[in-house]
Protein backbone atom coordinates (compact mmCIF):
# COMPACT_ATOMS: atom_id res chain seq x y z
CA MET A 1 0.00 0.00 0.00
CA SER A 2 1.37 3.44 -0.88
CA ASP A 3 2.23 6.02 1.75
CA LEU A 4 -0.59 8.22 0.47
CA ALA A 5 -3.15 5.44 0.94
CA VAL A 6 -1.82 4.68 4.44
CA ASN A 7 -1.91 8.37 5.37
CA SER A 8 -5.39 8.71 3.91
CA LYS A 9 -6.62 5.90 6.18
CA LEU A 10 -4.91 7.59 9.12
CA GLU A 11 -6.63 10.88 8.28
CA LYS A 12 -10.01 9.14 8.04
CA VAL A 13 -9.70 7.35 11.37
CA CYS A 14 -8.46 10.56 13.04
CA GLN A 15 -11.58 12.29 11.73
CA GLU A 16 -13.68 9.49 13.25
CA ALA A 17 -11.83 9.88 16.56
CA TYR A 18 -12.46 13.63 16.46
CA LYS A 19 -16.19 13.05 15.90
CA LYS A 20 -16.30 10.62 18.82
CA LEU A 21 -14.50 13.08 21.11
CA GLU A 22 -16.97 15.73 19.97
CA GLN A 23 -19.89 13.42 20.86
CA ILE A 24 -18.42 12.63 24.27
CA ASN A 25 -18.26 16.38 24.96
CA ASN A 26 -15.98 16.03 27.99
CA ASP A 27 -13.97 19.16 28.80
CA SER A 28 -10.94 17.09 29.79
CA PHE A 29 -10.63 15.94 26.15
CA ALA A 30 -10.85 19.47 24.71
CA PRO A 31 -7.06 19.94 24.29
CA VAL A 32 -6.70 16.64 22.41
CA LYS A 33 -9.79 17.35 20.32
CA ASP A 34 -8.51 20.83 19.40
CA LYS A 35 -5.05 19.53 18.46
CA LEU A 36 -6.62 16.75 16.43
CA ALA A 37 -8.80 19.23 14.51
CA TRP A 38 -5.74 21.36 13.80
CA CYS A 39 -3.67 18.37 12.62
CA ILE A 40 -6.46 17.14 10.34
CA GLY A 41 -6.66 20.58 8.75
CA SER A 42 -2.89 20.83 8.51
CA TYR A 43 -2.65 17.41 6.86
CA SER A 44 -5.26 18.33 4.26
CA TYR A 45 -3.11 21.36 3.43
CA ASP A 46 0.44 19.97 3.41
CA LYS A 47 -0.02 16.14 3.37
CA ASN A 48 2.54 15.78 6.19
CA PRO A 49 1.13 13.08 8.51
CA VAL A 50 3.49 13.55 11.49
CA GLY A 51 0.95 15.47 13.56
CA LEU A 52 -1.77 12.94 12.81
CA TYR A 53 0.41 10.14 14.17
CA GLU A 54 1.37 12.06 17.31
CA VAL A 55 -2.04 13.51 18.17
CA GLY A 56 -3.80 10.38 16.94
CA ALA A 57 -1.88 8.50 19.65
CA GLU A 58 -3.07 11.04 22.24
CA ALA A 59 -6.64 10.64 21.02
CA LEU A 60 -6.26 6.86 21.23
CA ASP A 61 -5.20 7.13 24.88
CA ALA A 62 -8.12 9.45 25.63
CA LEU A 63 -10.63 7.14 23.94
CA LYS A 64 -9.22 4.06 25.67
CA SER A 65 -9.49 5.69 29.09
CA TYR A 66 -13.05 6.81 28.35
CA LYS A 67 -13.95 3.31 27.13
CA LYS A 68 -12.87 1.94 30.52
CA GLU A 69 -15.36 4.26 32.22
CA LYS A 70 -18.17 3.82 29.69
CA PRO A 71 -17.47 0.77 27.51
CA ARG A 72 -20.55 1.07 25.31
CA LEU A 73 -19.86 4.64 24.16
CA VAL A 74 -16.58 3.99 22.31
CA SER A 75 -16.54 1.22 19.73
CA LYS A 76 -13.88 -1.44 19.78
CA LYS A 77 -13.60 -1.00 16.01
CA LEU A 78 -12.66 2.68 16.32
CA ILE A 79 -9.93 1.87 18.83
CA GLU A 80 -8.61 -1.00 16.68
CA ASN A 81 -8.63 1.13 13.51
CA LEU A 82 -6.78 3.94 15.28
CA GLU A 83 -4.22 1.50 16.69
CA LYS A 84 -3.64 -0.03 13.24
CA ALA A 85 -3.30 3.36 11.58
CA ILE A 86 -0.82 4.60 14.17
CA ALA A 87 1.16 1.34 14.01
CA THR A 88 1.87 1.93 10.30
CA ARG A 89 4.31 4.65 11.34
CA GLU A 90 6.71 2.14 12.83
CA ASN A 91 6.76 -0.04 9.71
């Protein structure tokens, strides 16, 4: 798979994570949500995925911790997709 396709998947799953953080509407996630929104916009402009990987990992941690509190509100699929997308950076 090309880097562009991998990065496109990362962008898509980061957008899904942003939407979920928006739905949760917890003030403690506001900094991560704001950084994620900025990185998504930045990626669409310059196609540099570094911020998506870094902030995507922060969003993953936030979603995992929220899932522990309220398991039904964060899908396992979203967490798995985010983990897979972030893991592509190490390959």
